[in-house]
N, C-alpha and C. Protein backbone atom coordinates (compact mmCIF):
# COMPACT_ATOMS: atom_id res chain seq x y z
N MET A 1 16.11 3.23 39.09
CA MET A 1 17.01 2.09 38.30
C MET A 1 16.46 1.03 37.28
N PHE A 2 17.20 1.04 36.24
CA PHE A 2 16.94 0.39 35.43
C PHE A 2 17.20 -0.78 34.81
N VAL A 3 16.78 -1.78 34.28
CA VAL A 3 17.39 -2.98 34.25
C VAL A 3 17.18 -3.19 32.88
N SER A 4 18.43 -3.71 32.14
CA SER A 4 18.30 -3.94 30.77
C SER A 4 18.16 -5.44 30.35
N CYS A 5 17.63 -5.46 29.75
CA CYS A 5 17.82 -7.00 28.97
C CYS A 5 19.02 -7.40 27.81
N PRO A 6 19.30 -8.67 28.12
CA PRO A 6 20.26 -8.84 27.08
C PRO A 6 19.94 -8.90 25.78
N PRO A 7 20.75 -8.26 25.06
CA PRO A 7 20.37 -8.09 23.48
C PRO A 7 20.43 -9.87 22.59
N THR A 8 19.30 -9.76 21.91
CA THR A 8 19.42 -10.94 21.19
C THR A 8 20.57 -11.08 20.13
N MET A 9 21.23 -12.00 20.24
CA MET A 9 22.30 -11.93 19.91
C MET A 9 22.33 -12.65 18.39
N GLY A 10 21.98 -11.31 17.30
CA GLY A 10 22.17 -11.69 16.11
C GLY A 10 20.64 -12.12 15.47
N MET A 11 19.70 -12.24 16.33
CA MET A 11 18.27 -12.55 16.19
C MET A 11 17.75 -11.32 16.09
N VAL A 12 17.39 -11.20 14.85
CA VAL A 12 16.50 -10.08 14.23
C VAL A 12 15.28 -10.44 13.99
N GLU A 13 14.28 -9.70 14.49
CA GLU A 13 12.83 -10.20 14.52
C GLU A 13 12.20 -9.04 13.84
N ASN A 14 11.31 -9.36 12.56
CA ASN A 14 10.73 -8.22 12.00
C ASN A 14 9.34 -8.55 12.17
N VAL A 15 8.47 -7.44 12.16
CA VAL A 15 6.85 -7.74 12.22
C VAL A 15 6.35 -7.35 10.99
N ILE A 16 5.37 -8.32 10.56
CA ILE A 16 4.57 -7.98 9.29
C ILE A 16 3.20 -7.90 9.84
N TRP A 17 2.65 -6.99 9.87
CA TRP A 17 1.07 -6.84 9.59
C TRP A 17 0.67 -6.89 8.41
N PRO A 18 -0.74 -7.38 8.42
CA PRO A 18 -1.41 -7.62 7.18
C PRO A 18 -1.48 -6.14 6.65
N ALA A 19 -2.30 -5.09 7.29
CA ALA A 19 -2.19 -3.75 6.76
C ALA A 19 -1.12 -3.51 6.08
N TYR A 20 0.32 -3.75 6.19
CA TYR A 20 1.48 -3.51 5.22
C TYR A 20 1.09 -3.88 4.01
N LEU A 21 0.45 -4.50 3.72
CA LEU A 21 0.33 -5.50 2.34
C LEU A 21 -0.92 -5.24 1.90
N ASP A 22 -2.16 -4.56 2.15
CA ASP A 22 -3.61 -4.43 1.99
C ASP A 22 -3.69 -3.42 0.83
N ALA A 23 -4.19 -3.77 -0.02
CA ALA A 23 -4.56 -2.87 -1.27
C ALA A 23 -5.82 -2.12 -1.08
N HIS A 24 -6.76 -2.48 0.15
CA HIS A 24 -7.92 -1.30 0.35
C HIS A 24 -7.23 0.09 1.14
N LEU A 25 -5.98 -0.43 1.97
CA LEU A 25 -5.31 0.80 2.61
C LEU A 25 -4.41 1.76 1.80
N THR A 26 -4.63 3.17 2.34
CA THR A 26 -3.76 4.08 2.02
C THR A 26 -2.48 3.84 2.35
N ARG A 27 -1.30 4.28 1.97
CA ARG A 27 0.06 4.65 2.90
C ARG A 27 -0.50 5.27 4.30
N LYS A 28 -1.02 6.44 4.39
CA LYS A 28 -1.34 6.95 5.41
C LYS A 28 -2.26 5.85 6.57
N GLU A 29 -2.97 5.16 6.15
CA GLU A 29 -3.68 4.16 6.83
C GLU A 29 -2.67 2.89 6.98
N GLY A 30 -1.49 2.54 6.56
CA GLY A 30 -0.52 1.82 7.08
C GLY A 30 0.14 0.72 5.98
N ARG A 31 -0.44 1.03 4.64
CA ARG A 31 0.09 0.46 3.47
C ARG A 31 1.43 0.56 3.22
N ARG A 32 2.37 -0.61 3.59
CA ARG A 32 3.82 -0.39 3.10
C ARG A 32 4.59 -0.44 1.79
N VAL A 33 3.72 -1.19 1.15
CA VAL A 33 4.15 -1.49 -0.49
C VAL A 33 3.27 -0.94 -1.60
N SER A 34 3.89 -0.85 -2.66
CA SER A 34 3.27 -0.12 -3.75
C SER A 34 1.84 -0.93 -3.96
N MET A 35 0.72 -0.26 -4.76
CA MET A 35 -0.40 -0.91 -5.22
C MET A 35 -0.29 -1.50 -5.96
N GLU A 36 0.83 -1.55 -6.80
CA GLU A 36 1.05 -2.98 -7.65
C GLU A 36 1.20 -4.47 -7.01
N LEU A 37 1.79 -4.08 -5.78
CA LEU A 37 2.33 -5.46 -4.94
C LEU A 37 1.29 -6.06 -3.82
N ALA A 38 0.50 -4.93 -3.40
CA ALA A 38 -0.60 -5.14 -2.80
C ALA A 38 -1.83 -5.94 -3.05
N VAL A 39 -2.12 -6.55 -1.97
CA VAL A 39 -3.20 -7.69 -2.24
C VAL A 39 -4.49 -7.20 -1.49
N GLU A 40 -5.55 -7.45 -1.67
CA GLU A 40 -6.67 -7.20 -1.17
C GLU A 40 -6.98 -8.14 0.11
N GLU A 41 -7.16 -7.73 1.37
CA GLU A 41 -7.14 -8.26 2.76
C GLU A 41 -6.32 -9.42 2.84
N PRO A 42 -5.00 -9.10 3.03
CA PRO A 42 -4.01 -10.79 2.95
C PRO A 42 -4.45 -11.09 4.37
N THR A 43 -4.33 -12.56 4.47
CA THR A 43 -4.40 -13.14 5.99
C THR A 43 -2.86 -13.54 6.65
N VAL A 44 -2.80 -13.76 7.55
CA VAL A 44 -1.50 -14.16 8.16
C VAL A 44 -0.81 -15.68 7.84
N ASP A 45 -1.77 -16.22 7.56
CA ASP A 45 -1.51 -17.50 6.93
C ASP A 45 -0.86 -17.52 5.42
N GLU A 46 -1.10 -16.58 4.59
CA GLU A 46 -0.71 -16.76 3.41
C GLU A 46 0.55 -15.70 3.61
N ILE A 47 0.30 -14.73 4.29
CA ILE A 47 2.01 -14.04 4.62
C ILE A 47 2.92 -14.80 5.29
N ALA A 48 2.53 -15.73 5.98
CA ALA A 48 3.53 -16.46 6.59
C ALA A 48 4.01 -17.52 5.69
N LYS A 49 3.11 -18.03 4.56
CA LYS A 49 3.55 -18.88 3.26
C LYS A 49 4.35 -18.15 2.69
N ALA A 50 4.17 -16.94 2.21
CA ALA A 50 5.10 -16.13 1.65
C ALA A 50 6.48 -15.91 2.23
N VAL A 51 6.48 -15.53 3.40
CA VAL A 51 7.81 -15.25 4.23
C VAL A 51 8.56 -16.44 4.25
N GLN A 52 7.90 -17.69 4.62
CA GLN A 52 8.84 -18.79 4.13
C GLN A 52 9.05 -19.17 2.71
N GLN A 53 8.72 -18.78 1.75
CA GLN A 53 8.85 -19.09 0.41
C GLN A 53 9.95 -18.14 0.06
N VAL A 54 10.09 -17.07 0.52
CA VAL A 54 11.43 -16.06 0.62
C VAL A 54 12.72 -16.67 1.44
N GLY A 55 12.41 -17.60 2.39
CA GLY A 55 13.46 -18.07 2.99
C GLY A 55 13.85 -17.81 4.50
N TYR A 56 12.58 -17.42 5.09
CA TYR A 56 12.62 -17.12 6.53
C TYR A 56 11.94 -17.77 7.26
N ASP A 57 11.83 -17.89 8.69
CA ASP A 57 10.92 -18.38 9.57
C ASP A 57 9.54 -17.66 10.04
N ALA A 58 8.79 -18.10 9.98
CA ALA A 58 7.77 -17.38 10.60
C ALA A 58 6.50 -17.80 11.30
N VAL A 59 6.21 -16.84 12.54
CA VAL A 59 5.43 -17.22 13.47
C VAL A 59 4.21 -16.39 13.52
N ILE A 60 3.26 -17.13 13.56
CA ILE A 60 2.02 -16.31 13.36
C ILE A 60 1.53 -16.00 14.88
N GLU A 61 1.04 -15.15 15.10
CA GLU A 61 0.45 -14.31 16.35
C GLU A 61 -1.08 -14.07 15.89
N ARG A 62 -1.91 -14.77 15.86
CA ARG A 62 -3.62 -14.44 15.56
C ARG A 62 -4.08 -13.41 16.61
N ASP A 63 -3.37 -13.26 17.90
CA ASP A 63 -4.50 -12.51 18.82
C ASP A 63 -4.08 -10.84 18.76
N LYS A 64 -3.05 -10.31 17.90
CA LYS A 64 -2.70 -9.12 17.87
C LYS A 64 -3.37 -8.10 17.01
N THR A 65 -3.65 -6.71 17.26
CA THR A 65 -4.07 -5.92 16.73
C THR A 65 -3.20 -4.93 16.39
N TYR A 66 -3.39 -4.32 15.07
CA TYR A 66 -2.56 -3.56 14.57
C TYR A 66 -3.11 -2.06 15.18
N SER A 67 -2.00 -1.15 15.23
CA SER A 67 -2.37 -0.02 16.39
C SER A 67 -3.38 1.08 15.23
N ARG A 68 -3.39 0.90 14.06
CA ARG A 68 -4.24 1.69 13.20
C ARG A 68 -5.34 1.18 12.96
N GLU A 69 -5.84 -0.11 13.36
CA GLU A 69 -6.81 -1.01 13.23
C GLU A 69 -7.79 -1.18 14.39
N TYR A 70 -9.05 -1.86 14.40
CA TYR A 70 -10.02 -1.86 15.24
C TYR A 70 -9.85 -3.64 15.43
N GLU A 71 -9.84 -4.08 14.58
CA GLU A 71 -10.31 -5.60 14.81
C GLU A 71 -9.15 -6.55 14.46
N PRO A 72 -8.83 -7.36 15.60
CA PRO A 72 -7.42 -8.49 15.56
C PRO A 72 -7.47 -9.17 14.04
N ARG A 73 -6.24 -8.86 13.41
CA ARG A 73 -6.27 -9.73 12.12
C ARG A 73 -4.64 -10.16 12.54
N GLY A 74 -4.03 -10.26 13.60
CA GLY A 74 -2.92 -11.06 13.79
C GLY A 74 -1.87 -10.46 13.17
N ARG A 75 -0.76 -11.04 13.50
CA ARG A 75 0.60 -10.39 12.54
C ARG A 75 1.71 -11.51 12.72
N VAL A 76 2.49 -11.37 11.61
CA VAL A 76 3.51 -12.43 11.35
C VAL A 76 5.12 -11.96 11.98
N LEU A 77 5.43 -12.69 12.71
CA LEU A 77 6.93 -12.63 13.13
C LEU A 77 7.61 -13.09 12.24
N VAL A 78 9.03 -12.37 11.64
CA VAL A 78 9.89 -13.11 10.68
C VAL A 78 11.18 -13.26 11.52
N LYS A 79 11.63 -14.69 11.48
CA LYS A 79 12.77 -14.93 12.47
C LYS A 79 14.10 -14.96 11.66
N GLY A 80 15.30 -13.93 12.30
CA GLY A 80 16.37 -14.27 11.20
C GLY A 80 16.55 -13.55 10.08
N ALA A 81 16.05 -12.50 9.57
CA ALA A 81 16.14 -11.85 8.54
C ALA A 81 17.13 -10.68 8.80
N ASP A 82 17.99 -10.74 9.59
CA ASP A 82 18.90 -10.05 9.82
C ASP A 82 19.99 -9.59 8.48
N ASP A 83 19.80 -10.04 7.29
CA ASP A 83 20.44 -9.96 6.24
C ASP A 83 19.58 -9.26 5.21
N ALA A 84 18.63 -8.54 5.38
CA ALA A 84 17.73 -8.17 4.70
C ALA A 84 17.02 -6.96 5.59
N THR A 85 16.71 -5.69 4.69
CA THR A 85 15.96 -4.44 5.18
C THR A 85 14.70 -4.92 5.59
N LYS A 86 13.87 -4.39 6.15
CA LYS A 86 12.33 -4.36 6.38
C LYS A 86 11.80 -4.23 5.33
N SER A 87 12.10 -3.18 4.29
CA SER A 87 11.41 -2.79 3.19
C SER A 87 11.62 -3.96 1.96
N ASP A 88 12.98 -4.32 2.04
CA ASP A 88 13.27 -5.41 1.14
C ASP A 88 12.69 -6.82 1.49
N LEU A 89 12.21 -6.94 2.69
CA LEU A 89 11.68 -8.13 3.15
C LEU A 89 10.06 -8.19 2.50
N LEU A 90 9.52 -6.76 3.01
CA LEU A 90 8.15 -6.48 2.76
C LEU A 90 7.71 -6.56 0.86
N GLN A 91 8.92 -6.16 -0.02
CA GLN A 91 8.72 -6.41 -1.11
C GLN A 91 8.75 -7.80 -1.81
N ALA A 92 9.59 -8.45 -1.37
CA ALA A 92 9.87 -9.79 -1.45
C ALA A 92 8.50 -10.76 -1.21
N THR A 93 8.46 -10.53 0.34
CA THR A 93 6.85 -10.90 0.74
C THR A 93 5.71 -10.69 -0.20
N ALA A 94 5.72 -9.68 -0.37
CA ALA A 94 4.58 -8.74 -0.93
C ALA A 94 4.15 -9.55 -2.81
N ALA A 95 5.48 -9.70 -3.30
CA ALA A 95 5.84 -10.52 -4.60
C ALA A 95 5.29 -11.78 -4.28
N TYR A 96 5.96 -12.53 -3.59
CA TYR A 96 5.51 -14.10 -3.21
C TYR A 96 4.13 -14.12 -3.17
N LEU A 97 3.46 -13.11 -2.46
CA LEU A 97 2.03 -13.06 -1.78
C LEU A 97 1.03 -12.77 -2.99
N GLY A 98 1.29 -12.34 -3.96
CA GLY A 98 0.86 -11.97 -5.44
C GLY A 98 0.90 -13.31 -6.04
N ALA A 99 2.10 -13.88 -5.83
CA ALA A 99 1.92 -15.31 -7.04
C ALA A 99 0.91 -16.37 -6.28
N ILE A 100 1.27 -16.58 -4.88
CA ILE A 100 0.20 -17.44 -4.30
C ILE A 100 -1.42 -17.45 -4.47
N ARG A 101 -1.46 -16.05 -4.74
CA ARG A 101 -2.85 -15.56 -5.00
C ARG A 101 -3.39 -15.95 -6.46
N ALA A 102 -1.98 -15.52 -7.60
CA ALA A 102 -2.73 -15.79 -8.65
C ALA A 102 -2.97 -17.12 -9.39
């Protein structure tokens, strides 16, 4: 017998791992943005700040490890981004991340 959890009514929660935006990684290793938008070794703090600049709430979880990596770098949960695709969210976050680093 399966017990289903109630759906989150309109609350979409996207996850952004630092690997998605890391210029040191290949697409095969987990990078999800172009090399032009990627930055070297992004931190969860920088990613959260960029997500907030895009206009969404961000929650940092520092003790999480991306499945393709061995060292925990954490992840950022993006709350309420139901009006954008994950790809659009990553592109916008990467653009702000580049501006923060400049």
